[in-house]
């Protein structure tokens, strides 16, 4: 699913309604389409990095519902900058070819 072997992965299906609610909220306020997995990845990589041994479902749901849109969008922006540059492997000619307008 997300990062392999995270201790909280077993709770994903149980908290999915809260994730869906938060995704819908973010979409309503204008942040475009956000998936439940995008929000889950935020928590796995950022908020729940340090795993609590005895976590309760209500704690996870509370964290999800309390997520501020700015925190999520900041994380998403940083992750986008960390992702590999898809154009780095192209030579100049291939890049120019991609940038040319297509004639119909």
C-alpha atoms as a PDB file:
ATOM      1  CA  UNK A   1       0.000   0.000   0.000  1.00  0.00           C
ATOM      2  CA  UNK A   2       2.173   2.896   1.213  1.00  0.00           C
ATOM      3  CA  UNK A   3       5.501   2.486   2.936  1.00  0.00           C
ATOM      4  CA  UNK A   4       5.964  -1.238   3.357  1.00  0.00           C
ATOM      5  CA  UNK A   5       5.721  -2.529   6.874  1.00  0.00           C
ATOM      6  CA  UNK A   6       4.415   0.487   8.752  1.00  0.00           C
ATOM      7  CA  UNK A   7       2.730  -0.659  11.944  1.00  0.00           C
ATOM      8  CA  UNK A   8      -0.386   1.409  11.295  1.00  0.00           C
ATOM      9  CA  UNK A   9      -1.117  -0.082   7.857  1.00  0.00           C
ATOM     10  CA  UNK A  10      -3.437  -2.568   9.541  1.00  0.00           C
ATOM     11  CA  UNK A  11      -5.732   0.336  10.494  1.00  0.00           C
ATOM     12  CA  UNK A  12      -6.091   1.838   7.012  1.00  0.00           C
ATOM     13  CA  UNK A  13      -9.463   0.243   6.191  1.00  0.00           C
ATOM     14  CA  UNK A  14     -10.847   1.111   9.626  1.00  0.00           C
ATOM     15  CA  UNK A  15     -10.009   4.806   9.341  1.00  0.00           C
ATOM     16  CA  UNK A  16     -10.791   5.097   5.632  1.00  0.00           C
ATOM     17  CA  UNK A  17     -14.122   6.906   6.244  1.00  0.00           C
ATOM     18  CA  UNK A  18     -12.247   9.640   8.151  1.00  0.00           C
ATOM     19  CA  UNK A  19      -9.659   9.823   5.367  1.00  0.00           C
ATOM     20  CA  UNK A  20     -12.460  10.131   2.790  1.00  0.00           C
ATOM     21  CA  UNK A  21     -14.119  12.869   4.829  1.00  0.00           C
ATOM     22  CA  UNK A  22     -10.849  14.832   4.993  1.00  0.00           C
ATOM     23  CA  UNK A  23     -10.217  14.329   1.258  1.00  0.00           C
ATOM     24  CA  UNK A  24     -13.721  15.640   0.505  1.00  0.00           C
ATOM     25  CA  UNK A  25     -13.129  18.626   2.788  1.00  0.00           C
ATOM     26  CA  UNK A  26      -9.861  19.502   1.025  1.00  0.00           C
ATOM     27  CA  UNK A  27     -11.582  19.230  -2.344  1.00  0.00           C
ATOM     28  CA  UNK A  28     -14.457  21.454  -1.192  1.00  0.00           C
ATOM     29  CA  UNK A  29     -12.119  24.246  -0.130  1.00  0.00           C
ATOM     30  CA  UNK A  30     -10.384  24.188  -3.486  1.00  0.00           C
ATOM     31  CA  UNK A  31      -7.334  21.960  -3.187  1.00  0.00           C
ATOM     32  CA  UNK A  32      -8.276  19.795  -6.146  1.00  0.00           C
ATOM     33  CA  UNK A  33      -8.639  16.060  -6.036  1.00  0.00           C
ATOM     34  CA  UNK A  34      -6.928  14.486  -3.025  1.00  0.00           C
ATOM     35  CA  UNK A  35      -7.040  10.739  -2.474  1.00  0.00           C
ATOM     36  CA  UNK A  36      -7.356   8.922   0.817  1.00  0.00           C
ATOM     37  CA  UNK A  37      -3.955   7.351   0.105  1.00  0.00           C
ATOM     38  CA  UNK A  38      -2.388  10.805  -0.293  1.00  0.00           C
ATOM     39  CA  UNK A  39      -3.607  11.757   3.164  1.00  0.00           C
ATOM     40  CA  UNK A  40      -2.579   8.382   4.597  1.00  0.00           C
ATOM     41  CA  UNK A  41       0.933   8.860   3.186  1.00  0.00           C
ATOM     42  CA  UNK A  42       1.137  12.271   4.860  1.00  0.00           C
ATOM     43  CA  UNK A  43       0.472  10.683   8.228  1.00  0.00           C
ATOM     44  CA  UNK A  44       2.781   7.704   7.678  1.00  0.00           C
ATOM     45  CA  UNK A  45       5.682   9.853   6.493  1.00  0.00           C
ATOM     46  CA  UNK A  46       5.166  12.888   8.726  1.00  0.00           C
ATOM     47  CA  UNK A  47       2.812  12.694  11.693  1.00  0.00           C
ATOM     48  CA  UNK A  48       3.097   9.002  12.574  1.00  0.00           C
ATOM     49  CA  UNK A  49       6.784   8.552  11.796  1.00  0.00           C
ATOM     50  CA  UNK A  50       7.356   7.517  15.399  1.00  0.00           C
ATOM     51  CA  UNK A  51       5.028   4.595  15.970  1.00  0.00           C
ATOM     52  CA  UNK A  52       3.204   4.303  19.275  1.00  0.00           C
ATOM     53  CA  UNK A  53       3.149   0.720  20.497  1.00  0.00           C
ATOM     54  CA  UNK A  54      -0.426   0.890  21.775  1.00  0.00           C
ATOM     55  CA  UNK A  55      -2.281   3.225  19.473  1.00  0.00           C
ATOM     56  CA  UNK A  56      -6.044   3.522  19.586  1.00  0.00           C
ATOM     57  CA  UNK A  57      -8.245   3.964  16.539  1.00  0.00           C
ATOM     58  CA  UNK A  58      -9.812   7.104  17.987  1.00  0.00           C
ATOM     59  CA  UNK A  59      -6.344   8.712  18.162  1.00  0.00           C
ATOM     60  CA  UNK A  60      -5.755   8.039  14.465  1.00  0.00           C
ATOM     61  CA  UNK A  61      -9.207   9.334  13.521  1.00  0.00           C
ATOM     62  CA  UNK A  62      -8.687  12.430  15.668  1.00  0.00           C
ATOM     63  CA  UNK A  63      -5.353  13.148  13.950  1.00  0.00           C
ATOM     64  CA  UNK A  64      -6.953  12.731  10.524  1.00  0.00           C
ATOM     65  CA  UNK A  65      -9.905  15.002  11.253  1.00  0.00           C
ATOM     66  CA  UNK A  66      -7.649  17.640  12.846  1.00  0.00           C
ATOM     67  CA  UNK A  67      -5.356  17.840   9.798  1.00  0.00           C
ATOM     68  CA  UNK A  68      -5.043  21.426   8.596  1.00  0.00           C
ATOM     69  CA  UNK A  69      -5.095  21.960   4.862  1.00  0.00           C
ATOM     70  CA  UNK A  70      -1.942  24.101   4.972  1.00  0.00           C
ATOM     71  CA  UNK A  71       0.067  21.367   6.687  1.00  0.00           C
ATOM     72  CA  UNK A  72      -0.999  18.824   4.103  1.00  0.00           C
ATOM     73  CA  UNK A  73      -0.304  21.107   1.149  1.00  0.00           C
ATOM     74  CA  UNK A  74       3.131  22.088   2.506  1.00  0.00           C
ATOM     75  CA  UNK A  75       4.014  18.412   2.829  1.00  0.00           C
ATOM     76  CA  UNK A  76       2.703  17.663  -0.666  1.00  0.00           C
ATOM     77  CA  UNK A  77       4.732  20.520  -2.148  1.00  0.00           C
ATOM     78  CA  UNK A  78       7.956  19.394  -0.464  1.00  0.00           C
ATOM     79  CA  UNK A  79       7.363  15.803  -1.586  1.00  0.00           C
ATOM     80  CA  UNK A  80       6.877  16.979  -5.166  1.00  0.00           C
ATOM     81  CA  UNK A  81      10.237  18.750  -5.077  1.00  0.00           C
ATOM     82  CA  UNK A  82      11.880  15.612  -3.663  1.00  0.00           C
ATOM     83  CA  UNK A  83      10.542  13.389  -6.425  1.00  0.00           C
ATOM     84  CA  UNK A  84      12.885  12.540  -9.283  1.00  0.00           C
ATOM     85  CA  UNK A  85      13.089  14.950 -12.172  1.00  0.00           C
ATOM     86  CA  UNK A  86      11.412  13.080 -15.035  1.00  0.00           C
ATOM     87  CA  UNK A  87      13.112  15.242 -17.640  1.00  0.00           C
ATOM     88  CA  UNK A  88      16.672  14.745 -16.340  1.00  0.00           C
ATOM     89  CA  UNK A  89      17.144  11.619 -18.466  1.00  0.00           C
ATOM     90  CA  UNK A  90      16.149  13.351 -21.719  1.00  0.00           C
ATOM     91  CA  UNK A  91      18.768  14.884 -23.976  1.00  0.00           C
ATOM     92  CA  UNK A  92      18.244  18.358 -25.424  1.00  0.00           C
ATOM     93  CA  UNK A  93      16.709  17.108 -28.703  1.00  0.00           C
ATOM     94  CA  UNK A  94      14.194  14.866 -26.919  1.00  0.00           C
ATOM     95  CA  UNK A  95      13.213  17.692 -24.588  1.00  0.00           C
ATOM     96  CA  UNK A  96      12.750  20.122 -27.491  1.00  0.00           C
ATOM     97  CA  UNK A  97      10.625  17.526 -29.290  1.00  0.00           C
ATOM     98  CA  UNK A  98       8.333  17.281 -26.275  1.00  0.00           C
ATOM     99  CA  UNK A  99       7.982  21.060 -26.135  1.00  0.00           C
ATOM    100  CA  UNK A 100       7.043  21.457 -29.818  1.00  0.00           C
ATOM    101  CA  UNK A 101       3.372  22.108 -30.521  1.00  0.00           C
ATOM    102  CA  UNK A 102       1.749  19.140 -32.240  1.00  0.00           C
ATOM    103  CA  UNK A 103       0.372  19.862 -35.710  1.00  0.00           C
ATOM    104  CA  UNK A 104      -2.943  18.251 -36.558  1.00  0.00           C
END
